[in-house]
Amino acid sequence: MRRHGLVSRGWMRACGVVCAVLGSAAFVASGGVLAQEGQIGDQAGAGQVQQDDPGLQGPALVQQASYVIGQQIFADFARDEVELNVAALIQGIQDAAEGRESKVPADKIEAIMMAFTRQVQARQQQRLQEMADRNLQEGLAFLKENALKPGIKQLENGVQYQVLTAGDGASPAETDSVTVHYVGTLIDGTVFDSSVARGTPATFPLNQVIEGWTKTIPRMKVGDKWKVFIPSNLAYREAGRLPNIQPNQTLIFEIELLGINNR
């Protein structure tokens, strides 16, 4: 049976959980770690399978693993906000496990799954649009209030900035490649990206980043550190960059211009 669209992703991830178990069987048999990142088990590296632990062998192990697989399957669908009938889901698994005839005729399965996928996509699109509208209004209100704060300057394109540290170096052109340290946050303070946290400055051409950066960093000098407030239309717009950045979110960056690379 063919899988369709968003619905198939949950099954693909669920199958990945099972494949992780099968693929790691030899590794586990040699005393390796079962709970590797992205696989079944506790947190990565949390523990090592001990062959003499009766709680991790035989039927008890199968029971626990089966439970976790069930959790993973449903969690994957829930992550995509796919509504399922749990009783029918369990019934389908039981019927398949016991070799009973499907309660849904084989010639109707594809049409059912296609219709279900369309319904899921429509609901997700509606939620994304509501999210985009809400974020746009919240961002505009934030920028309006922020513009009144001491030290905040606003460019003609709507970008706002505050000088934290003044440098005296050269300014890059929009076609230059630069090296910067930065911390990116949402208006609620949530950090979504940080070269500072990674401990490594970022290097990139200014004409290959969001427009808010392309138009703002050339106004900086090497040694400058600015706090920059970027409206959504100069950031990731309605597309967003899920899961970290929702549609139409206003972004805040602390940017330190460390150097211009091609000079």
Foldseek 3Di string as FASTA:
>chain_A
DDADDPVVVLVVLLVVQVVLCVVCVVVLVVFHAQQDPSYDDDHHPPDIDDPPDVCCDDPNVVVVSVVRSVVSSVVSCVVLVQDDDVVVVVVVVVCVVVVHDDPDDPVCVVVVNVVSNVVSVVVSVVVLVVVQVVQQVVLVVVLVVVCPDPQWDADPVGKIKHWPWADDAAFDALQFKFWKWKWKDFPVGHTDDGPVVVVHIDIDRNPPAFQQSSVPRSVGGQQIWMKMKAWQVRHVASVFDPDRTGHGTIMIMTMHTHGTPPD
